[in-house]
Protein backbone atom coordinates (compact mmCIF):
# COMPACT_ATOMS: atom_id res chain seq x y z
CA MET A 1 -103.52 -25.91 28.37
CA ASN A 2 -100.25 -26.70 30.13
CA VAL A 3 -100.82 -27.19 33.99
CA PRO A 4 -97.61 -28.56 35.38
CA GLU A 5 -97.80 -30.97 38.42
CA GLY A 6 -96.06 -29.94 41.48
CA LEU A 7 -97.19 -26.39 41.55
CA ARG A 8 -100.12 -24.82 43.44
CA TYR A 9 -102.76 -22.72 41.70
CA SER A 10 -105.01 -19.88 42.72
CA SER A 11 -108.57 -19.49 41.36
CA ASP A 12 -107.27 -16.09 39.90
CA HIS A 13 -104.89 -18.02 37.72
CA GLU A 14 -101.60 -17.55 39.41
CA TRP A 15 -99.23 -20.40 39.93
CA VAL A 16 -97.16 -20.95 43.04
CA GLN A 17 -93.81 -22.94 43.31
CA VAL A 18 -92.92 -23.63 46.92
CA ASP A 19 -89.27 -23.69 48.16
CA GLY A 20 -89.36 -23.72 52.01
CA ASP A 21 -90.99 -20.72 53.25
CA THR A 22 -90.73 -18.81 50.04
CA VAL A 23 -92.72 -19.15 46.89
CA ARG A 24 -92.18 -18.06 43.39
CA ILE A 25 -95.24 -16.75 41.48
CA GLY A 26 -96.38 -16.37 38.00
CA ILE A 27 -99.51 -16.53 35.85
CA THR A 28 -100.72 -19.66 34.30
CA ASP A 29 -100.77 -20.68 30.75
CA TYR A 30 -104.49 -20.48 30.76
CA ALA A 31 -104.15 -16.72 31.95
CA GLN A 32 -101.55 -15.76 29.41
CA ASP A 33 -103.56 -17.28 26.55
CA ALA A 34 -106.75 -15.51 27.78
CA LEU A 35 -104.72 -12.18 27.95
CA GLY A 36 -103.23 -12.42 24.65
CA ASP A 37 -100.00 -10.53 23.73
CA VAL A 38 -98.63 -9.08 26.97
CA VAL A 39 -97.10 -5.51 26.41
CA TYR A 40 -96.47 -4.37 29.98
CA ILE A 41 -96.39 -5.63 33.49
CA ASP A 42 -96.64 -3.60 36.68
CA LEU A 43 -94.32 -5.35 39.10
CA PRO A 44 -94.42 -5.34 42.95
CA SER A 45 -91.48 -3.70 44.76
CA THR A 46 -88.93 -5.70 46.63
CA GLY A 47 -89.63 -5.47 50.24
CA ALA A 48 -93.41 -4.67 49.76
CA THR A 49 -95.75 -6.59 52.05
CA VAL A 50 -98.63 -8.22 50.27
CA GLU A 51 -101.84 -9.82 51.59
CA SER A 52 -103.40 -13.03 50.23
CA GLY A 53 -106.24 -12.00 47.73
CA THR A 54 -105.21 -8.27 47.20
CA THR A 55 -103.77 -6.85 44.05
CA PHE A 56 -99.91 -6.70 43.85
CA GLY A 57 -99.50 -5.55 40.28
CA GLU A 58 -101.12 -5.65 36.90
CA VAL A 59 -100.66 -7.10 33.49
CA GLU A 60 -101.52 -5.13 30.31
CA SER A 61 -102.12 -6.88 27.04
CA THR A 62 -103.38 -5.92 23.68
CA LYS A 63 -106.80 -7.10 24.70
CA SER A 64 -107.09 -5.83 28.36
CA VAL A 65 -105.56 -4.82 31.77
CA SER A 66 -105.72 -7.54 34.46
CA ASP A 67 -104.82 -7.33 38.21
CA LEU A 68 -102.51 -9.74 39.80
CA PHE A 69 -103.77 -11.10 43.11
CA ALA A 70 -101.33 -12.37 45.72
CA PRO A 71 -102.02 -15.98 46.50
CA VAL A 72 -100.29 -15.88 49.79
CA SER A 73 -99.37 -13.09 52.32
CA GLY A 74 -95.75 -12.17 53.03
CA GLU A 75 -92.94 -9.86 51.94
CA VAL A 76 -91.84 -9.67 48.32
CA THR A 77 -88.04 -10.96 48.29
CA ALA A 78 -87.38 -10.79 44.58
CA VAL A 79 -88.86 -9.39 41.50
CA ASN A 80 -88.19 -10.53 37.78
CA ASP A 81 -86.94 -7.36 36.66
CA GLU A 82 -86.18 -8.84 33.12
CA LEU A 83 -90.03 -8.56 32.52
CA ALA A 84 -89.76 -4.75 32.35
CA ASP A 85 -88.03 -5.05 29.05
CA ALA A 86 -89.44 -8.41 27.90
CA PRO A 87 -93.15 -8.74 29.15
CA GLU A 88 -93.81 -11.07 26.33
CA ARG A 89 -91.88 -13.75 28.45
CA LEU A 90 -95.29 -14.08 30.33
CA ASN A 91 -96.70 -15.47 27.14
CA THR A 92 -93.68 -17.63 25.84
CA ASP A 93 -92.53 -19.04 29.08
CA PRO A 94 -95.12 -18.60 31.91
CA TYR A 95 -93.79 -21.24 34.22
CA GLY A 96 -89.95 -20.42 33.62
CA ASP A 97 -88.44 -17.07 32.50
CA GLY A 98 -91.83 -15.42 32.86
CA TRP A 99 -92.10 -15.72 36.62
CA ILE A 100 -93.19 -12.51 38.35
CA CYS A 101 -91.93 -12.52 41.91
CA ALA A 102 -90.93 -14.19 45.04
CA ILE A 103 -92.58 -13.94 48.46
CA LYS A 104 -91.44 -14.98 51.83
CA MET A 105 -94.75 -16.35 53.36
CA SER A 106 -95.97 -14.97 56.62
CA ASP A 107 -98.53 -17.98 56.87
CA PRO A 108 -97.55 -21.04 54.96
CA LEU A 109 -100.87 -22.51 56.01
CA GLN A 110 -102.38 -20.37 53.26
CA LEU A 111 -100.95 -22.78 50.72
CA ASP A 112 -103.73 -25.23 51.78
CA ALA A 113 -106.37 -23.11 50.24
CA LEU A 114 -104.54 -23.30 46.75
CA LEU A 115 -105.55 -25.84 44.05
CA ASP A 116 -103.37 -28.74 42.96
CA ALA A 117 -102.83 -29.41 39.14
CA ALA A 118 -105.98 -31.69 38.87
CA ALA A 119 -108.22 -29.27 40.75
CA TYR A 120 -106.98 -26.34 38.72
CA THR A 121 -107.56 -28.32 35.42
CA ALA A 122 -110.96 -28.86 36.53
CA LEU A 123 -111.54 -25.31 37.15
CA ILE A 124 -110.47 -23.99 33.76
CA ASP A 125 -112.09 -26.92 32.00
CA GLY A 126 -115.39 -26.26 34.02
């Protein structure tokens, strides 16, 4: 599994890329592999407020439907609208073109609860 260094990870298999007080979020390579072929994604709305640990969207694959859980609290400032027409990007480029949304964090200290690459690798290899 691909687990890039420099990102933070949730135990719900989302990745977080930090840029100041804003984070970009997507699902991990492990998650997309477990889901199988993604056919639809329900994206959050720009301007929506999300709370850490709560559902902010869902991903539908040929195998199942899975909720997306916000790894941090804050306001959704950007959404990857291209996923509406090309949800398979979650499979082909989960850490690049498959990003889901950006959130301006209301509490940056929540990042401390997320895993680094080594801890996330230990979790999925567990």
